[in-house]
Each structure stands twice: as C-alpha cells, then as structure tokens.
Amino acid sequence: MSDPTLMDQLEIRALLDRYCDGVNQRDAAIWGSTWAEDAVWELPHLAMEGLKGRDTIVAAWTEAMTLFPFVNMMAQPGFIHVEGDRATMRSYTTEVAVTQDGNEIRPRGEYHDECVREKGVWKFSLRKFKVLHGE
C-alpha cells in the first residue's frame, strides 16, 4: 500500500472496530484506548453534552454499562476523510442491549467523529452521537 491516506483510513477503521470490541467485551481498557487524552463525547439524546477528557468519558461509560447486562454494538463507516494528523468520519451503529429489567432495545445511530493521531496512533478527539431510530 503506497497511499498513506489509504493506510490512515484503514487505521481509523481499525479504531472504530476496537471501539466496538471494547463495548462488546465490556472492557474499559480497550474502549478507553480509543479516546484522545482531551477528547469530547457528546450524547445529546441522553443530555450528556460535552463530556471532556478520556478519564471522565471512560468513567461515564463504565457507569452506564452497569445499566445493561448485555450489549452488542456494530459500526460501519460512511466516510473517512484524512488531512495530515487529523481526520473526520461519519459512522453508523447498530446495537442490541438488554436493560436491567429485561427489556431489549435496538437503537440505530450515527456518529460524527473527529480523530487525531496521538503519539502515532489514531484516536477519537470528538464523537457526537445522533439517534436515527429506536431506543
């Protein structure tokens, strides 16, 4: 592969895959490794606007995961655009989750992402989620 932009796109796709793997494995270390140190996570549908910093984001996610005995998340990028050490991506998610009371939810969503190369590794610097259907 001689096109560095294509290699970056593959690495960003792997970032998205690692994010889903962290969710599916319920592993805060894997999931947390996808976030830049000073990242921002916006979940307007949950009134969680602008969680700032990896530690804050991981703590909020860890607490939220206690509400769901089962979660499975899959994601597919719609586009990835790379400019040097920064990139934007739009991705679509399909999730299945079971709540503490046994109800199953199946939200479909869209993320608008900004990524940054941090110490040679692509990370999310901003993830903004929008519910498309369900939940």
N, C-alpha and C. Protein backbone atom coordinates (compact mmCIF):
# COMPACT_ATOMS: atom_id res chain seq x y z
N MET A 1 0.85 -1.18 0.00
CA MET A 1 0.00 0.00 0.00
C MET A 1 0.89 1.24 0.00
N SER A 2 0.92 1.97 -1.08
CA SER A 2 1.79 3.14 -1.16
C SER A 2 1.07 4.43 -0.83
N ASP A 3 -0.24 4.43 -0.77
CA ASP A 3 -1.01 5.64 -0.49
C ASP A 3 -1.16 5.81 1.02
N PRO A 4 -0.47 6.81 1.63
CA PRO A 4 -0.56 6.96 3.08
C PRO A 4 -1.97 7.30 3.56
N THR A 5 -2.77 7.98 2.75
CA THR A 5 -4.13 8.30 3.14
C THR A 5 -4.96 7.02 3.27
N LEU A 6 -4.76 6.07 2.36
CA LEU A 6 -5.47 4.80 2.44
C LEU A 6 -5.08 4.04 3.70
N MET A 7 -3.79 4.04 4.04
CA MET A 7 -3.34 3.39 5.27
C MET A 7 -3.97 4.06 6.49
N ASP A 8 -4.03 5.38 6.49
CA ASP A 8 -4.68 6.10 7.59
C ASP A 8 -6.15 5.72 7.69
N GLN A 9 -6.83 5.61 6.55
CA GLN A 9 -8.24 5.22 6.57
C GLN A 9 -8.40 3.83 7.18
N LEU A 10 -7.52 2.90 6.83
CA LEU A 10 -7.58 1.56 7.41
C LEU A 10 -7.33 1.60 8.92
N GLU A 11 -6.40 2.42 9.36
CA GLU A 11 -6.11 2.53 10.78
C GLU A 11 -7.29 3.16 11.53
N ILE A 12 -7.97 4.11 10.91
CA ILE A 12 -9.14 4.73 11.53
C ILE A 12 -10.29 3.73 11.58
N ARG A 13 -10.44 2.92 10.53
CA ARG A 13 -11.44 1.85 10.55
C ARG A 13 -11.14 0.88 11.69
N ALA A 14 -9.87 0.55 11.89
CA ALA A 14 -9.47 -0.34 12.99
C ALA A 14 -9.78 0.31 14.34
N LEU A 15 -9.67 1.62 14.42
CA LEU A 15 -10.05 2.36 15.64
C LEU A 15 -11.53 2.15 15.94
N LEU A 16 -12.36 2.28 14.92
CA LEU A 16 -13.80 2.07 15.09
C LEU A 16 -14.09 0.63 15.50
N ASP A 17 -13.39 -0.31 14.89
CA ASP A 17 -13.57 -1.72 15.25
C ASP A 17 -13.16 -1.98 16.70
N ARG A 18 -12.05 -1.38 17.13
CA ARG A 18 -11.58 -1.54 18.51
C ARG A 18 -12.58 -0.94 19.50
N TYR A 19 -13.19 0.17 19.15
CA TYR A 19 -14.22 0.80 19.98
C TYR A 19 -15.37 -0.18 20.20
N CYS A 20 -15.86 -0.79 19.11
CA CYS A 20 -16.96 -1.77 19.22
C CYS A 20 -16.53 -2.99 20.01
N ASP A 21 -15.30 -3.45 19.81
CA ASP A 21 -14.81 -4.60 20.56
C ASP A 21 -14.79 -4.29 22.05
N GLY A 22 -14.38 -3.09 22.42
CA GLY A 22 -14.39 -2.69 23.82
C GLY A 22 -15.78 -2.74 24.42
N VAL A 23 -16.77 -2.26 23.65
CA VAL A 23 -18.17 -2.32 24.10
C VAL A 23 -18.59 -3.77 24.26
N ASN A 24 -18.37 -4.58 23.22
CA ASN A 24 -18.84 -5.96 23.21
C ASN A 24 -18.16 -6.81 24.27
N GLN A 25 -16.92 -6.50 24.58
CA GLN A 25 -16.19 -7.23 25.62
C GLN A 25 -16.40 -6.60 27.00
N ARG A 26 -17.06 -5.45 27.04
CA ARG A 26 -17.28 -4.72 28.30
C ARG A 26 -15.93 -4.42 28.96
N ASP A 27 -14.99 -4.00 28.14
CA ASP A 27 -13.61 -3.82 28.59
C ASP A 27 -13.24 -2.33 28.52
N ALA A 28 -13.19 -1.71 29.67
CA ALA A 28 -12.92 -0.27 29.74
C ALA A 28 -11.53 0.08 29.22
N ALA A 29 -10.57 -0.83 29.37
CA ALA A 29 -9.21 -0.56 28.89
C ALA A 29 -9.19 -0.52 27.36
N ILE A 30 -9.82 -1.50 26.72
CA ILE A 30 -9.89 -1.50 25.25
C ILE A 30 -10.65 -0.27 24.79
N TRP A 31 -11.85 -0.08 25.32
CA TRP A 31 -12.70 1.03 24.90
C TRP A 31 -12.02 2.38 25.17
N GLY A 32 -11.44 2.51 26.34
CA GLY A 32 -10.77 3.77 26.70
C GLY A 32 -9.57 4.08 25.83
N SER A 33 -8.93 3.04 25.28
CA SER A 33 -7.74 3.25 24.45
C SER A 33 -8.07 3.93 23.13
N THR A 34 -9.36 4.05 22.80
CA THR A 34 -9.75 4.66 21.53
C THR A 34 -9.88 6.18 21.63
N TRP A 35 -9.81 6.72 22.84
CA TRP A 35 -10.03 8.15 23.07
C TRP A 35 -8.74 8.91 23.25
N ALA A 36 -8.67 10.09 22.64
CA ALA A 36 -7.55 11.00 22.86
C ALA A 36 -7.63 11.54 24.30
N GLU A 37 -6.51 11.95 24.80
CA GLU A 37 -6.42 12.46 26.18
C GLU A 37 -7.45 13.55 26.47
N ASP A 38 -7.62 14.50 25.54
CA ASP A 38 -8.52 15.64 25.78
C ASP A 38 -9.80 15.55 24.94
N ALA A 39 -10.24 14.34 24.67
CA ALA A 39 -11.41 14.09 23.82
C ALA A 39 -12.69 14.66 24.41
N VAL A 40 -13.70 14.78 23.53
CA VAL A 40 -15.05 15.21 23.92
C VAL A 40 -16.04 14.19 23.37
N TRP A 41 -17.01 13.80 24.21
CA TRP A 41 -18.06 12.85 23.81
C TRP A 41 -19.40 13.52 24.03
N GLU A 42 -20.19 13.62 22.98
CA GLU A 42 -21.49 14.28 23.05
C GLU A 42 -22.61 13.28 22.74
N LEU A 43 -23.52 13.15 23.69
CA LEU A 43 -24.68 12.27 23.56
C LEU A 43 -25.93 13.09 23.88
N PRO A 44 -26.34 13.96 22.96
CA PRO A 44 -27.46 14.86 23.25
C PRO A 44 -28.75 14.14 23.66
N HIS A 45 -29.00 12.96 23.12
CA HIS A 45 -30.23 12.23 23.45
C HIS A 45 -30.26 11.79 24.91
N LEU A 46 -29.10 11.74 25.56
CA LEU A 46 -29.03 11.38 26.98
C LEU A 46 -28.71 12.59 27.85
N ALA A 47 -28.80 13.78 27.27
CA ALA A 47 -28.46 15.03 27.96
C ALA A 47 -27.03 14.97 28.50
N MET A 48 -26.15 14.29 27.77
CA MET A 48 -24.74 14.22 28.14
C MET A 48 -23.97 14.99 27.07
N GLU A 49 -24.00 16.28 27.20
CA GLU A 49 -23.35 17.15 26.21
C GLU A 49 -21.93 17.45 26.67
N GLY A 50 -20.99 17.12 25.84
CA GLY A 50 -19.62 17.58 26.05
C GLY A 50 -18.89 16.98 27.23
N LEU A 51 -18.97 15.66 27.43
CA LEU A 51 -18.09 15.04 28.42
C LEU A 51 -16.67 15.25 27.93
N LYS A 52 -15.80 15.75 28.80
CA LYS A 52 -14.46 16.15 28.37
C LYS A 52 -13.39 15.37 29.09
N GLY A 53 -12.44 14.89 28.32
CA GLY A 53 -11.29 14.18 28.86
C GLY A 53 -11.52 12.68 28.91
N ARG A 54 -10.48 11.93 28.53
CA ARG A 54 -10.59 10.47 28.48
C ARG A 54 -11.04 9.87 29.80
N ASP A 55 -10.46 10.31 30.91
CA ASP A 55 -10.82 9.72 32.20
C ASP A 55 -12.29 9.95 32.53
N THR A 56 -12.80 11.14 32.26
CA THR A 56 -14.21 11.45 32.51
C THR A 56 -15.10 10.61 31.60
N ILE A 57 -14.73 10.50 30.35
CA ILE A 57 -15.51 9.73 29.37
C ILE A 57 -15.56 8.25 29.77
N VAL A 58 -14.41 7.68 30.11
CA VAL A 58 -14.37 6.26 30.48
C VAL A 58 -15.15 6.02 31.76
N ALA A 59 -15.07 6.92 32.72
CA ALA A 59 -15.83 6.76 33.97
C ALA A 59 -17.33 6.78 33.69
N ALA A 60 -17.79 7.70 32.84
CA ALA A 60 -19.22 7.78 32.49
C ALA A 60 -19.67 6.53 31.76
N TRP A 61 -18.84 6.03 30.83
CA TRP A 61 -19.18 4.82 30.08
C TRP A 61 -19.25 3.61 31.01
N THR A 62 -18.28 3.49 31.91
CA THR A 62 -18.25 2.36 32.84
C THR A 62 -19.51 2.35 33.71
N GLU A 63 -19.92 3.51 34.17
CA GLU A 63 -21.14 3.60 34.97
C GLU A 63 -22.37 3.26 34.13
N ALA A 64 -22.43 3.77 32.91
CA ALA A 64 -23.57 3.50 32.03
C ALA A 64 -23.68 2.01 31.70
N MET A 65 -22.57 1.33 31.53
CA MET A 65 -22.59 -0.09 31.17
C MET A 65 -23.21 -0.95 32.28
N THR A 66 -23.21 -0.46 33.51
CA THR A 66 -23.83 -1.23 34.60
C THR A 66 -25.34 -1.34 34.42
N LEU A 67 -25.92 -0.48 33.60
CA LEU A 67 -27.37 -0.49 33.36
C LEU A 67 -27.79 -1.58 32.37
N PHE A 68 -26.81 -2.18 31.69
CA PHE A 68 -27.11 -3.14 30.63
C PHE A 68 -26.33 -4.44 30.83
N PRO A 69 -27.01 -5.52 31.24
CA PRO A 69 -26.32 -6.79 31.40
C PRO A 69 -25.77 -7.34 30.08
N PHE A 70 -26.35 -6.91 28.95
CA PHE A 70 -25.87 -7.36 27.64
C PHE A 70 -25.90 -6.18 26.68
N VAL A 71 -24.81 -6.02 25.94
CA VAL A 71 -24.74 -5.03 24.86
C VAL A 71 -23.91 -5.62 23.72
N ASN A 72 -24.40 -5.42 22.50
CA ASN A 72 -23.64 -5.77 21.32
C ASN A 72 -23.72 -4.59 20.37
N MET A 73 -22.57 -4.11 19.94
CA MET A 73 -22.50 -2.93 19.06
C MET A 73 -21.70 -3.26 17.82
N MET A 74 -22.25 -2.88 16.67
CA MET A 74 -21.55 -3.00 15.40
C MET A 74 -21.57 -1.61 14.75
N ALA A 75 -20.51 -1.28 14.02
CA ALA A 75 -20.45 0.03 13.37
C ALA A 75 -19.82 -0.10 12.00
N GLN A 76 -20.24 0.80 11.13
CA GLN A 76 -19.75 0.84 9.75
C GLN A 76 -19.49 2.29 9.37
N PRO A 77 -18.29 2.60 8.89
CA PRO A 77 -18.07 3.99 8.47
C PRO A 77 -18.81 4.30 7.18
N GLY A 78 -19.34 5.52 7.10
CA GLY A 78 -19.94 6.02 5.87
C GLY A 78 -18.88 6.72 5.03
N PHE A 79 -18.02 7.49 5.70
CA PHE A 79 -16.88 8.08 5.03
C PHE A 79 -15.79 8.36 6.06
N ILE A 80 -14.56 8.42 5.57
CA ILE A 80 -13.40 8.81 6.37
C ILE A 80 -12.60 9.78 5.52
N HIS A 81 -12.35 10.96 6.06
CA HIS A 81 -11.56 11.97 5.33
C HIS A 81 -10.35 12.33 6.18
N VAL A 82 -9.16 12.16 5.62
CA VAL A 82 -7.91 12.39 6.34
C VAL A 82 -7.21 13.62 5.80
N GLU A 83 -6.75 14.46 6.71
CA GLU A 83 -5.89 15.61 6.37
C GLU A 83 -4.75 15.64 7.36
N GLY A 84 -3.63 15.06 6.97
CA GLY A 84 -2.46 15.03 7.86
C GLY A 84 -2.73 14.18 9.09
N ASP A 85 -2.59 14.79 10.27
CA ASP A 85 -2.79 14.09 11.53
C ASP A 85 -4.18 14.27 12.10
N ARG A 86 -5.11 14.74 11.27
CA ARG A 86 -6.49 14.92 11.70
C ARG A 86 -7.40 14.26 10.66
N ALA A 87 -8.55 13.81 11.13
CA ALA A 87 -9.49 13.16 10.22
C ALA A 87 -10.91 13.37 10.73
N THR A 88 -11.85 13.26 9.80
CA THR A 88 -13.27 13.25 10.16
C THR A 88 -13.86 11.95 9.63
N MET A 89 -14.88 11.47 10.34
CA MET A 89 -15.54 10.23 9.93
C MET A 89 -17.02 10.33 10.31
N ARG A 90 -17.84 9.76 9.48
CA ARG A 90 -19.24 9.54 9.84
C ARG A 90 -19.42 8.03 9.85
N SER A 91 -20.02 7.52 10.93
CA SER A 91 -20.26 6.08 11.02
C SER A 91 -21.67 5.81 11.51
N TYR A 92 -22.12 4.60 11.22
CA TYR A 92 -23.47 4.19 11.57
C TYR A 92 -23.39 2.99 12.50
N THR A 93 -24.23 3.00 13.53
CA THR A 93 -24.19 1.96 14.53
C THR A 93 -25.51 1.19 14.60
N THR A 94 -25.37 -0.07 14.92
CA THR A 94 -26.50 -0.95 15.20
C THR A 94 -26.18 -1.61 16.53
N GLU A 95 -27.09 -1.46 17.48
CA GLU A 95 -26.85 -2.03 18.81
C GLU A 95 -28.04 -2.87 19.25
N VAL A 96 -27.74 -3.83 20.08
CA VAL A 96 -28.75 -4.59 20.80
C VAL A 96 -28.31 -4.53 22.26
N ALA A 97 -29.22 -4.17 23.13
CA ALA A 97 -28.90 -4.11 24.55
C ALA A 97 -30.09 -4.62 25.35
N VAL A 98 -29.78 -5.17 26.49
CA VAL A 98 -30.81 -5.62 27.42
C VAL A 98 -30.68 -4.78 28.68
N THR A 99 -31.80 -4.20 29.11
CA THR A 99 -31.81 -3.37 30.32
C THR A 99 -31.88 -4.25 31.56
N GLN A 100 -31.65 -3.64 32.72
CA GLN A 100 -31.70 -4.39 33.98
C GLN A 100 -33.02 -5.11 34.19
N ASP A 101 -34.12 -4.54 33.69
CA ASP A 101 -35.44 -5.17 33.87
C ASP A 101 -35.78 -6.15 32.75
N GLY A 102 -34.81 -6.44 31.87
CA GLY A 102 -35.00 -7.46 30.85
C GLY A 102 -35.54 -6.98 29.52
N ASN A 103 -35.79 -5.70 29.38
CA ASN A 103 -36.26 -5.17 28.10
C ASN A 103 -35.10 -5.09 27.10
N GLU A 104 -35.42 -5.44 25.86
CA GLU A 104 -34.42 -5.37 24.80
C GLU A 104 -34.63 -4.10 23.99
N ILE A 105 -33.55 -3.38 23.76
CA ILE A 105 -33.61 -2.19 22.91
C ILE A 105 -32.67 -2.41 21.73
N ARG A 106 -33.00 -1.78 20.60
CA ARG A 106 -32.23 -1.95 19.37
C ARG A 106 -32.03 -0.60 18.67
N PRO A 107 -31.26 0.29 19.27
CA PRO A 107 -31.07 1.60 18.65
C PRO A 107 -30.17 1.53 17.41
N ARG A 108 -30.46 2.42 16.48
CA ARG A 108 -29.62 2.65 15.31
C ARG A 108 -29.17 4.10 15.39
N GLY A 109 -27.90 4.35 15.12
CA GLY A 109 -27.41 5.70 15.29
C GLY A 109 -26.35 6.09 14.29
N GLU A 110 -25.96 7.33 14.41
CA GLU A 110 -24.96 7.93 13.53
C GLU A 110 -23.99 8.72 14.40
N TYR A 111 -22.72 8.50 14.20
CA TYR A 111 -21.68 9.27 14.88
C TYR A 111 -21.02 10.20 13.88
N HIS A 112 -20.78 11.42 14.32
CA HIS A 112 -19.92 12.36 13.61
C HIS A 112 -18.66 12.47 14.44
N ASP A 113 -17.56 12.06 13.85
CA ASP A 113 -16.31 11.94 14.59
C ASP A 113 -15.23 12.85 14.05
N GLU A 114 -14.39 13.26 14.97
CA GLU A 114 -13.11 13.87 14.64
C GLU A 114 -12.06 12.99 15.28
N CYS A 115 -11.00 12.71 14.52
CA CYS A 115 -9.93 11.85 15.00
C CYS A 115 -8.62 12.62 14.92
N VAL A 116 -7.69 12.22 15.76
CA VAL A 116 -6.38 12.84 15.78
C VAL A 116 -5.34 11.74 15.97
N ARG A 117 -4.19 11.94 15.33
CA ARG A 117 -3.09 11.00 15.53
C ARG A 117 -2.35 11.45 16.78
N GLU A 118 -2.41 10.63 17.83
CA GLU A 118 -1.80 10.95 19.11
C GLU A 118 -0.67 9.96 19.36
N LYS A 119 0.56 10.46 19.39
CA LYS A 119 1.75 9.61 19.56
C LYS A 119 1.77 8.49 18.52
N GLY A 120 1.40 8.84 17.29
CA GLY A 120 1.46 7.89 16.18
C GLY A 120 0.26 6.97 16.05
N VAL A 121 -0.75 7.11 16.93
CA VAL A 121 -1.91 6.22 16.92
C VAL A 121 -3.17 7.06 16.77
N TRP A 122 -4.07 6.63 15.88
CA TRP A 122 -5.32 7.35 15.69
C TRP A 122 -6.24 7.14 16.89
N LYS A 123 -6.84 8.26 17.36
CA LYS A 123 -7.78 8.25 18.49
C LYS A 123 -8.95 9.16 18.16
N PHE A 124 -10.06 8.94 18.85
CA PHE A 124 -11.19 9.86 18.73
C PHE A 124 -10.91 11.10 19.57
N SER A 125 -11.05 12.26 18.95
CA SER A 125 -10.95 13.52 19.70
C SER A 125 -12.34 14.10 19.95
N LEU A 126 -13.30 13.72 19.11
CA LEU A 126 -14.70 14.13 19.29
C LEU A 126 -15.59 13.03 18.71
N ARG A 127 -16.58 12.62 19.49
CA ARG A 127 -17.63 11.72 18.99
C ARG A 127 -18.95 12.36 19.37
N LYS A 128 -19.76 12.63 18.37
CA LYS A 128 -21.09 13.21 18.60
C LYS A 128 -22.12 12.26 18.02
N PHE A 129 -23.00 11.74 18.88
CA PHE A 129 -23.94 10.70 18.51
C PHE A 129 -25.32 11.29 18.25
N LYS A 130 -26.00 10.71 17.26
CA LYS A 130 -27.37 11.08 16.94
C LYS A 130 -28.16 9.79 16.75
N VAL A 131 -29.30 9.67 17.46
CA VAL A 131 -30.17 8.52 17.31
C VAL A 131 -30.89 8.66 15.97
N LEU A 132 -30.87 7.60 15.18
CA LEU A 132 -31.61 7.58 13.92
C LEU A 132 -32.95 6.85 14.07
N HIS A 133 -32.95 5.81 14.91
CA HIS A 133 -34.17 5.01 15.10
C HIS A 133 -34.02 4.19 16.36
N GLY A 134 -35.11 4.01 17.08
CA GLY A 134 -35.12 3.12 18.23
C GLY A 134 -34.70 3.79 19.51
N GLU A 135 -34.50 2.94 20.49
CA GLU A 135 -34.08 3.29 21.84
C GLU A 135 -35.18 3.84 22.62
